[in-house]
C-alpha atoms as a PDB file:
ATOM      1  CA  MET A   1     -43.777 -23.141 -32.212  1.00  0.00           C
ATOM      2  CA  THR A   2     -42.379 -26.057 -34.185  1.00  0.00           C
ATOM      3  CA  GLU A   3     -40.984 -28.862 -32.031  1.00  0.00           C
ATOM      4  CA  PRO A   4     -37.164 -28.993 -32.435  1.00  0.00           C
ATOM      5  CA  ALA A   5     -35.744 -32.184 -33.902  1.00  0.00           C
ATOM      6  CA  GLY A   6     -33.770 -34.577 -31.728  1.00  0.00           C
ATOM      7  CA  LYS A   7     -34.189 -35.950 -28.255  1.00  0.00           C
ATOM      8  CA  PRO A   8     -33.876 -33.534 -25.307  1.00  0.00           C
ATOM      9  CA  ALA A   9     -31.030 -34.077 -22.857  1.00  0.00           C
ATOM     10  CA  ILE A  10     -33.565 -34.245 -20.025  1.00  0.00           C
ATOM     11  CA  GLU A  11     -37.357 -34.430 -19.779  1.00  0.00           C
ATOM     12  CA  PHE A  12     -39.430 -33.227 -16.843  1.00  0.00           C
ATOM     13  CA  GLU A  13     -42.866 -34.677 -16.132  1.00  0.00           C
ATOM     14  CA  ILE A  14     -45.122 -32.743 -13.752  1.00  0.00           C
ATOM     15  CA  VAL A  15     -48.151 -34.427 -12.211  1.00  0.00           C
ATOM     16  CA  THR A  16     -50.363 -31.621 -10.929  1.00  0.00           C
ATOM     17  CA  ILE A  17     -54.018 -30.637 -10.693  1.00  0.00           C
ATOM     18  CA  PHE A  18     -52.969 -27.101 -11.669  1.00  0.00           C
ATOM     19  CA  PRO A  19     -50.891 -27.521 -14.859  1.00  0.00           C
ATOM     20  CA  GLU A  20     -51.540 -23.889 -15.823  1.00  0.00           C
ATOM     21  CA  ILE A  21     -49.264 -22.728 -12.988  1.00  0.00           C
ATOM     22  CA  PHE A  22     -46.290 -23.659 -15.181  1.00  0.00           C
ATOM     23  CA  ASP A  23     -47.336 -21.652 -18.261  1.00  0.00           C
ATOM     24  CA  GLY A  24     -44.923 -18.797 -17.542  1.00  0.00           C
ATOM     25  CA  LEU A  25     -42.076 -21.102 -16.608  1.00  0.00           C
ATOM     26  CA  VAL A  26     -42.181 -23.101 -19.835  1.00  0.00           C
ATOM     27  CA  GLY A  27     -43.024 -20.156 -22.065  1.00  0.00           C
ATOM     28  CA  ALA A  28     -40.354 -17.710 -20.981  1.00  0.00           C
ATOM     29  CA  THR A  29     -37.168 -17.422 -18.921  1.00  0.00           C
ATOM     30  CA  LEU A  30     -34.037 -19.486 -19.431  1.00  0.00           C
ATOM     31  CA  LEU A  31     -36.053 -22.704 -19.304  1.00  0.00           C
ATOM     32  CA  GLY A  32     -38.315 -21.510 -22.093  1.00  0.00           C
ATOM     33  CA  LYS A  33     -35.294 -20.892 -24.315  1.00  0.00           C
ATOM     34  CA  ALA A  34     -33.903 -24.341 -23.470  1.00  0.00           C
ATOM     35  CA  ILE A  35     -37.221 -25.927 -24.445  1.00  0.00           C
ATOM     36  CA  ALA A  36     -37.308 -24.004 -27.722  1.00  0.00           C
ATOM     37  CA  ALA A  37     -33.751 -25.164 -28.452  1.00  0.00           C
ATOM     38  CA  GLY A  38     -34.722 -28.799 -27.868  1.00  0.00           C
ATOM     39  CA  LEU A  39     -32.350 -29.222 -24.923  1.00  0.00           C
ATOM     40  CA  VAL A  40     -35.101 -29.711 -22.347  1.00  0.00           C
ATOM     41  CA  ALA A  41     -38.717 -30.886 -22.457  1.00  0.00           C
ATOM     42  CA  VAL A  42     -41.467 -30.244 -19.901  1.00  0.00           C
ATOM     43  CA  HIS A  43     -44.712 -32.231 -19.881  1.00  0.00           C
ATOM     44  CA  ARG A  44     -47.684 -31.613 -17.606  1.00  0.00           C
ATOM     45  CA  THR A  45     -50.309 -34.175 -16.662  1.00  0.00           C
ATOM     46  CA  SER A  46     -53.338 -33.757 -14.413  1.00  0.00           C
ATOM     47  CA  PRO A  47     -54.341 -36.706 -12.211  1.00  0.00           C
ATOM     48  CA  ARG A  48     -57.933 -35.507 -12.603  1.00  0.00           C
ATOM     49  CA  ASP A  49     -57.870 -36.982 -16.089  1.00  0.00           C
ATOM     50  CA  PHE A  50     -57.356 -40.402 -14.485  1.00  0.00           C
ATOM     51  CA  ALA A  51     -59.701 -40.081 -11.499  1.00  0.00           C
ATOM     52  CA  PRO A  52     -62.765 -42.345 -11.366  1.00  0.00           C
ATOM     53  CA  GLY A  53     -66.365 -41.156 -11.312  1.00  0.00           C
ATOM     54  CA  ARG A  54     -68.289 -38.358 -12.955  1.00  0.00           C
ATOM     55  CA  HIS A  55     -66.694 -35.700 -10.749  1.00  0.00           C
ATOM     56  CA  ARG A  56     -63.097 -36.882 -11.281  1.00  0.00           C
ATOM     57  CA  GLN A  57     -62.403 -36.677  -7.554  1.00  0.00           C
ATOM     58  CA  VAL A  58     -58.688 -36.768  -6.704  1.00  0.00           C
ATOM     59  CA  ASP A  59     -59.040 -36.335  -2.932  1.00  0.00           C
ATOM     60  CA  ASP A  60     -60.934 -37.863  -0.023  1.00  0.00           C
ATOM     61  CA  THR A  61     -61.251 -37.637   3.764  1.00  0.00           C
ATOM     62  CA  PRO A  62     -58.427 -39.181   5.820  1.00  0.00           C
ATOM     63  CA  TYR A  63     -58.857 -42.519   7.557  1.00  0.00           C
ATOM     64  CA  GLY A  64     -58.876 -42.020  11.303  1.00  0.00           C
ATOM     65  CA  GLY A  65     -60.344 -38.544  10.976  1.00  0.00           C
ATOM     66  CA  GLY A  66     -58.635 -35.175  10.987  1.00  0.00           C
ATOM     67  CA  PRO A  67     -58.812 -31.879   9.117  1.00  0.00           C
ATOM     68  CA  GLY A  68     -58.584 -31.396   5.382  1.00  0.00           C
ATOM     69  CA  MET A  69     -58.589 -33.732   2.431  1.00  0.00           C
ATOM     70  CA  ILE A  70     -55.934 -36.193   1.245  1.00  0.00           C
ATOM     71  CA  MET A  71     -54.981 -36.787  -2.386  1.00  0.00           C
ATOM     72  CA  ARG A  72     -55.772 -40.334  -3.446  1.00  0.00           C
ATOM     73  CA  VAL A  73     -53.135 -42.759  -4.648  1.00  0.00           C
ATOM     74  CA  GLU A  74     -55.009 -44.252  -7.635  1.00  0.00           C
ATOM     75  CA  PRO A  75     -55.282 -41.150  -9.887  1.00  0.00           C
ATOM     76  CA  ILE A  76     -51.618 -40.299  -9.295  1.00  0.00           C
ATOM     77  CA  ALA A  77     -50.378 -43.849  -9.902  1.00  0.00           C
ATOM     78  CA  THR A  78     -52.559 -44.236 -12.997  1.00  0.00           C
ATOM     79  CA  ALA A  79     -51.344 -40.901 -14.374  1.00  0.00           C
ATOM     80  CA  ILE A  80     -47.730 -41.977 -13.937  1.00  0.00           C
ATOM     81  CA  ASP A  81     -48.433 -45.330 -15.598  1.00  0.00           C
ATOM     82  CA  ALA A  82     -49.893 -43.505 -18.608  1.00  0.00           C
ATOM     83  CA  ILE A  83     -46.946 -41.110 -18.754  1.00  0.00           C
ATOM     84  CA  GLU A  84     -44.371 -43.900 -18.669  1.00  0.00           C
ATOM     85  CA  THR A  85     -46.297 -45.983 -21.195  1.00  0.00           C
ATOM     86  CA  ALA A  86     -46.221 -43.030 -23.585  1.00  0.00           C
ATOM     87  CA  ARG A  87     -42.698 -41.711 -22.944  1.00  0.00           C
ATOM     88  CA  GLY A  88     -40.753 -44.303 -20.976  1.00  0.00           C
ATOM     89  CA  PRO A  89     -39.691 -44.846 -17.342  1.00  0.00           C
ATOM     90  CA  SER A  90     -38.551 -41.995 -15.156  1.00  0.00           C
ATOM     91  CA  HIS A  91     -37.208 -41.189 -11.708  1.00  0.00           C
ATOM     92  CA  ARG A  92     -40.277 -40.247  -9.650  1.00  0.00           C
ATOM     93  CA  ILE A  93     -40.109 -37.560  -6.983  1.00  0.00           C
ATOM     94  CA  LEU A  94     -42.806 -36.585  -4.495  1.00  0.00           C
ATOM     95  CA  LEU A  95     -42.567 -32.922  -3.461  1.00  0.00           C
ATOM     96  CA  THR A  96     -43.177 -32.659   0.279  1.00  0.00           C
ATOM     97  CA  PRO A  97     -41.782 -30.616   3.200  1.00  0.00           C
ATOM     98  CA  GLN A  98     -41.124 -33.970   4.897  1.00  0.00           C
ATOM     99  CA  GLY A  99     -38.640 -34.967   2.195  1.00  0.00           C
ATOM    100  CA  ARG A 100     -34.889 -34.556   2.009  1.00  0.00           C
ATOM    101  CA  VAL A 101     -34.001 -30.894   1.535  1.00  0.00           C
ATOM    102  CA  PHE A 102     -32.993 -30.284  -2.072  1.00  0.00           C
ATOM    103  CA  ASP A 103     -29.537 -28.779  -2.603  1.00  0.00           C
ATOM    104  CA  GLN A 104     -27.018 -28.087  -5.355  1.00  0.00           C
ATOM    105  CA  ALA A 105     -25.361 -31.482  -4.943  1.00  0.00           C
ATOM    106  CA  ARG A 106     -28.689 -33.222  -5.576  1.00  0.00           C
ATOM    107  CA  ALA A 107     -29.308 -30.926  -8.551  1.00  0.00           C
ATOM    108  CA  HIS A 108     -26.090 -32.171 -10.155  1.00  0.00           C
ATOM    109  CA  GLU A 109     -27.126 -35.785  -9.524  1.00  0.00           C
ATOM    110  CA  LEU A 110     -30.602 -35.313 -10.978  1.00  0.00           C
ATOM    111  CA  ALA A 111     -29.201 -33.513 -14.034  1.00  0.00           C
ATOM    112  CA  LYS A 112     -27.529 -36.775 -15.053  1.00  0.00           C
ATOM    113  CA  LEU A 113     -30.867 -38.579 -15.349  1.00  0.00           C
ATOM    114  CA  PRO A 114     -32.796 -38.577 -18.651  1.00  0.00           C
ATOM    115  CA  ARG A 115     -36.331 -38.231 -17.233  1.00  0.00           C
ATOM    116  CA  LEU A 116     -37.740 -36.931 -13.941  1.00  0.00           C
ATOM    117  CA  THR A 117     -41.357 -37.021 -12.760  1.00  0.00           C
ATOM    118  CA  PHE A 118     -42.508 -34.585 -10.063  1.00  0.00           C
ATOM    119  CA  VAL A 119     -45.666 -35.351  -8.115  1.00  0.00           C
ATOM    120  CA  CYS A 120     -47.206 -32.174  -6.706  1.00  0.00           C
ATOM    121  CA  GLY A 121     -49.360 -32.707  -3.662  1.00  0.00           C
ATOM    122  CA  ARG A 122     -52.235 -30.430  -2.615  1.00  0.00           C
ATOM    123  CA  TYR A 123     -54.796 -30.118   0.165  1.00  0.00           C
ATOM    124  CA  GLU A 124     -53.738 -31.612   3.513  1.00  0.00           C
ATOM    125  CA  GLY A 125     -51.273 -34.015   1.867  1.00  0.00           C
ATOM    126  CA  VAL A 126     -51.115 -37.192  -0.199  1.00  0.00           C
ATOM    127  CA  ASP A 127     -51.844 -40.814   0.583  1.00  0.00           C
ATOM    128  CA  GLU A 128     -48.758 -42.357   2.219  1.00  0.00           C
ATOM    129  CA  ARG A 129     -48.573 -44.971  -0.538  1.00  0.00           C
ATOM    130  CA  VAL A 130     -47.665 -42.311  -3.111  1.00  0.00           C
ATOM    131  CA  GLY A 131     -44.361 -41.619  -1.375  1.00  0.00           C
ATOM    132  CA  ALA A 132     -43.726 -45.140  -0.155  1.00  0.00           C
ATOM    133  CA  ASN A 133     -44.816 -47.226  -3.138  1.00  0.00           C
ATOM    134  CA  VAL A 134     -45.165 -45.021  -6.231  1.00  0.00           C
ATOM    135  CA  CYS A 135     -42.274 -42.546  -6.014  1.00  0.00           C
ATOM    136  CA  HIS A 136     -38.567 -43.267  -5.730  1.00  0.00           C
ATOM    137  CA  GLU A 137     -37.706 -40.357  -3.423  1.00  0.00           C
ATOM    138  CA  GLN A 138     -39.213 -37.405  -1.580  1.00  0.00           C
ATOM    139  CA  LEU A 139     -37.783 -33.895  -1.768  1.00  0.00           C
ATOM    140  CA  GLY A 140     -38.560 -30.524  -0.204  1.00  0.00           C
ATOM    141  CA  ILE A 141     -37.065 -27.079  -0.683  1.00  0.00           C
ATOM    142  CA  GLY A 142     -36.954 -25.951   2.948  1.00  0.00           C
ATOM    143  CA  ASP A 143     -38.434 -26.152   6.414  1.00  0.00           C
ATOM    144  CA  PHE A 144     -41.730 -24.487   5.562  1.00  0.00           C
ATOM    145  CA  VAL A 145     -45.107 -25.487   4.135  1.00  0.00           C
ATOM    146  CA  LEU A 146     -46.604 -24.354   0.824  1.00  0.00           C
ATOM    147  CA  ALA A 147     -50.142 -24.821  -0.488  1.00  0.00           C
ATOM    148  CA  GLY A 148     -48.870 -27.419  -2.934  1.00  0.00           C
ATOM    149  CA  GLY A 149     -45.809 -28.905  -4.594  1.00  0.00           C
ATOM    150  CA  GLU A 150     -45.926 -26.853  -7.780  1.00  0.00           C
ATOM    151  CA  LEU A 151     -43.583 -24.065  -6.680  1.00  0.00           C
ATOM    152  CA  ALA A 152     -41.129 -26.622  -5.289  1.00  0.00           C
ATOM    153  CA  ALA A 153     -41.220 -28.463  -8.618  1.00  0.00           C
ATOM    154  CA  ALA A 154     -40.523 -25.212 -10.482  1.00  0.00           C
ATOM    155  CA  VAL A 155     -37.541 -24.456  -8.237  1.00  0.00           C
ATOM    156  CA  ILE A 156     -36.001 -27.897  -8.715  1.00  0.00           C
ATOM    157  CA  ILE A 157     -36.663 -27.980 -12.459  1.00  0.00           C
ATOM    158  CA  GLU A 158     -34.890 -24.653 -12.982  1.00  0.00           C
ATOM    159  CA  ALA A 159     -31.968 -25.641 -10.739  1.00  0.00           C
ATOM    160  CA  VAL A 160     -31.519 -28.922 -12.644  1.00  0.00           C
ATOM    161  CA  ALA A 161     -32.184 -27.636 -16.162  1.00  0.00           C
ATOM    162  CA  ARG A 162     -29.520 -24.934 -15.966  1.00  0.00           C
ATOM    163  CA  LEU A 163     -26.910 -27.656 -15.384  1.00  0.00           C
ATOM    164  CA  VAL A 164     -27.698 -29.307 -18.729  1.00  0.00           C
ATOM    165  CA  PRO A 165     -24.871 -28.568 -21.209  1.00  0.00           C
ATOM    166  CA  GLY A 166     -25.848 -25.790 -23.580  1.00  0.00           C
ATOM    167  CA  VAL A 167     -28.620 -24.295 -21.434  1.00  0.00           C
ATOM    168  CA  LEU A 168     -26.413 -21.541 -20.010  1.00  0.00           C
ATOM    169  CA  GLY A 169     -24.579 -19.298 -22.412  1.00  0.00           C
ATOM    170  CA  CYS A 170     -21.321 -19.731 -20.485  1.00  0.00           C
ATOM    171  CA  GLY A 171     -20.487 -23.218 -19.248  1.00  0.00           C
ATOM    172  CA  ALA A 172     -18.129 -21.814 -16.621  1.00  0.00           C
ATOM    173  CA  SER A 173     -21.057 -20.069 -14.914  1.00  0.00           C
ATOM    174  CA  VAL A 174     -22.105 -23.193 -13.042  1.00  0.00           C
ATOM    175  CA  GLU A 175     -18.542 -23.861 -11.890  1.00  0.00           C
ATOM    176  CA  ASP A 176     -18.025 -20.594 -10.011  1.00  0.00           C
ATOM    177  CA  GLU A 177     -21.495 -19.928  -8.595  1.00  0.00           C
ATOM    178  CA  SER A 178     -22.637 -20.432  -5.017  1.00  0.00           C
ATOM    179  CA  PHE A 179     -22.635 -24.011  -3.668  1.00  0.00           C
ATOM    180  CA  ALA A 180     -20.859 -25.425  -6.748  1.00  0.00           C
ATOM    181  CA  ALA A 181     -17.800 -26.132  -4.598  1.00  0.00           C
ATOM    182  CA  GLY A 182     -19.545 -26.089  -1.246  1.00  0.00           C
ATOM    183  CA  ARG A 183     -18.929 -22.358  -0.811  1.00  0.00           C
ATOM    184  CA  LEU A 184     -20.796 -19.135  -1.564  1.00  0.00           C
ATOM    185  CA  GLU A 185     -19.791 -17.276  -4.705  1.00  0.00           C
ATOM    186  CA  TYR A 186     -17.371 -14.358  -4.550  1.00  0.00           C
ATOM    187  CA  PRO A 187     -18.827 -10.810  -4.905  1.00  0.00           C
ATOM    188  CA  GLN A 188     -19.170  -9.321  -8.394  1.00  0.00           C
ATOM    189  CA  TRP A 189     -19.192  -5.799  -9.887  1.00  0.00           C
ATOM    190  CA  THR A 190     -19.900  -4.235 -13.279  1.00  0.00           C
ATOM    191  CA  ARG A 191     -20.213  -0.703 -14.705  1.00  0.00           C
ATOM    192  CA  PRO A 192     -20.236   2.053 -13.545  1.00  0.00           C
ATOM    193  CA  LEU A 193     -16.819   2.088 -11.928  1.00  0.00           C
ATOM    194  CA  ALA A 194     -18.051   4.434  -9.173  1.00  0.00           C
ATOM    195  CA  TRP A 195     -21.585   4.813  -7.825  1.00  0.00           C
ATOM    196  CA  ASN A 196     -22.668   6.990  -4.900  1.00  0.00           C
ATOM    197  CA  GLY A 197     -19.126   6.949  -3.538  1.00  0.00           C
ATOM    198  CA  HIS A 198     -18.798   3.147  -3.824  1.00  0.00           C
ATOM    199  CA  THR A 199     -16.063   1.909  -6.180  1.00  0.00           C
ATOM    200  CA  VAL A 200     -14.922  -1.381  -7.650  1.00  0.00           C
ATOM    201  CA  PRO A 201     -11.944  -3.044  -5.859  1.00  0.00           C
ATOM    202  CA  ASP A 202      -8.638  -2.127  -7.525  1.00  0.00           C
ATOM    203  CA  ILE A 203      -7.574  -5.778  -7.835  1.00  0.00           C
ATOM    204  CA  LEU A 204     -10.333  -6.395 -10.395  1.00  0.00           C
ATOM    205  CA  LEU A 205      -8.912  -3.645 -12.593  1.00  0.00           C
ATOM    206  CA  SER A 206      -5.330  -4.915 -12.388  1.00  0.00           C
ATOM    207  CA  GLY A 207      -5.454  -7.364 -15.281  1.00  0.00           C
ATOM    208  CA  ASP A 208      -3.486  -9.884 -13.184  1.00  0.00           C
ATOM    209  CA  HIS A 209      -5.695 -12.968 -13.582  1.00  0.00           C
ATOM    210  CA  GLU A 210      -3.853 -15.101 -11.030  1.00  0.00           C
ATOM    211  CA  LYS A 211      -4.096 -12.422  -8.344  1.00  0.00           C
ATOM    212  CA  ILE A 212      -7.759 -11.913  -9.205  1.00  0.00           C
ATOM    213  CA  ARG A 213      -8.365 -15.675  -8.902  1.00  0.00           C
ATOM    214  CA  GLN A 214      -6.708 -15.769  -5.486  1.00  0.00           C
ATOM    215  CA  TRP A 215      -8.594 -12.680  -4.334  1.00  0.00           C
ATOM    216  CA  ARG A 216     -11.902 -14.162  -5.438  1.00  0.00           C
ATOM    217  CA  ARG A 217     -11.216 -17.393  -3.578  1.00  0.00           C
ATOM    218  CA  ARG A 218     -10.443 -15.466  -0.414  1.00  0.00           C
ATOM    219  CA  GLU A 219     -13.558 -13.320  -0.779  1.00  0.00           C
ATOM    220  CA  ALA A 220     -15.722 -16.398  -1.413  1.00  0.00           C
ATOM    221  CA  MET A 221     -14.328 -17.931   1.741  1.00  0.00           C
ATOM    222  CA  ARG A 222     -14.897 -14.767   3.768  1.00  0.00           C
ATOM    223  CA  ARG A 223     -18.481 -14.541   2.545  1.00  0.00           C
ATOM    224  CA  THR A 224     -19.127 -18.193   3.355  1.00  0.00           C
ATOM    225  CA  LEU A 225     -17.605 -17.752   6.794  1.00  0.00           C
ATOM    226  CA  GLU A 226     -19.766 -14.717   7.477  1.00  0.00           C
ATOM    227  CA  ARG A 227     -23.091 -15.857   6.000  1.00  0.00           C
ATOM    228  CA  ARG A 228     -23.081 -19.664   5.884  1.00  0.00           C
ATOM    229  CA  PRO A 229     -20.465 -21.124   8.281  1.00  0.00           C
ATOM    230  CA  ASP A 230     -22.510 -24.352   8.321  1.00  0.00           C
ATOM    231  CA  LEU A 231     -21.144 -25.112   4.841  1.00  0.00           C
ATOM    232  CA  LEU A 232     -17.661 -25.444   6.336  1.00  0.00           C
ATOM    233  CA  LEU A 233     -18.881 -28.221   8.595  1.00  0.00           C
ATOM    234  CA  ARG A 234     -20.110 -30.187   5.582  1.00  0.00           C
ATOM    235  CA  GLN A 235     -16.892 -29.677   3.611  1.00  0.00           C
ATOM    236  CA  PRO A 236     -13.839 -28.833   5.755  1.00  0.00           C
ATOM    237  CA  PRO A 237     -11.668 -25.935   4.561  1.00  0.00           C
ATOM    238  CA  THR A 238      -8.520 -26.434   2.541  1.00  0.00           C
ATOM    239  CA  ALA A 239      -5.198 -25.141   3.855  1.00  0.00           C
ATOM    240  CA  GLU A 240      -5.628 -21.937   1.832  1.00  0.00           C
ATOM    241  CA  GLU A 241      -9.141 -21.467   3.160  1.00  0.00           C
ATOM    242  CA  GLN A 242      -7.988 -22.106   6.707  1.00  0.00           C
ATOM    243  CA  ARG A 243      -5.553 -19.197   6.354  1.00  0.00           C
ATOM    244  CA  VAL A 244      -8.487 -16.960   5.434  1.00  0.00           C
ATOM    245  CA  ILE A 245     -10.357 -18.173   8.524  1.00  0.00           C
ATOM    246  CA  ASP A 246      -7.343 -17.462  10.703  1.00  0.00           C
ATOM    247  CA  GLU A 247      -6.937 -13.992   9.178  1.00  0.00           C
ATOM    248  CA  ALA A 248     -10.629 -13.236   9.781  1.00  0.00           C
ATOM    249  CA  ALA A 249     -10.352 -14.397  13.384  1.00  0.00           C
ATOM    250  CA  ALA A 250      -7.219 -12.311  13.986  1.00  0.00           C
ATOM    251  CA  GLY A 251      -8.871  -9.263  12.465  1.00  0.00           C
ATOM    252  CA  GLY A 252     -12.096  -9.613  14.405  1.00  0.00           C
ATOM    253  CA  GLY A 253     -14.102 -11.051  11.501  1.00  0.00           C
ATOM    254  CA  THR A 254     -17.815 -11.700  11.845  1.00  0.00           C
ATOM    255  CA  GLY A 255     -17.746 -15.428  11.167  1.00  0.00           C
ATOM    256  CA  SER A 256     -16.456 -18.385  13.156  1.00  0.00           C
ATOM    257  CA  VAL A 257     -16.418 -22.119  12.686  1.00  0.00           C
ATOM    258  CA  ARG A 258     -15.004 -25.125  14.423  1.00  0.00           C
ATOM    259  CA  THR A 259     -13.082 -27.425  12.096  1.00  0.00           C
END
């Protein structure tokens, strides 16, 4: 594939000992199309290429004892130095379950930056100096532990890349979807009109766009109240949303929240 002309809107650097994990991500899917269009670039670098010694060892036993092996700081730091010498400075992120939990708000913030570097840990963890002295922040994707940071990097890259103008076919898609406004997205239907006795709500067939907009806002609020009431604690409901909460409470709805 010929490299498209022009500078991408955002570049992702991935520091990983398993760069092949990302072959499918960068070769297909929405991200693959964005790369082909020159909107996004993804580079992969292995710290093994910068590890000292004949065996290119990137890990070692932990000081103080304990199970497992720890990734060393020098190969990671040297890899990042080489990356930034070749392509310029970037915002460096260590992927770790101990980091701040990544969310849609952070995705929007990261999408404004020109270059991001993701450091993917492996084994029992990484030397503390990687997070404290090499990277600018630490992020995780939930309260669970994976074998390494590669899947977390893939999740964040896709969430950020799709916010880059031109990546999605419809720019309005990112405005209405879940978490964009601190609420879950309203339910959606498409053809067929009826399936196994289940039909599309009449309001969506009415052609009255203002009534449809209002209905969708109410349904988004009901869904948020039922499935993720914690979101209402982060962003208090508007007066219109509060009416939906009151209606749900009066009708014996399944969700509740203190505001």
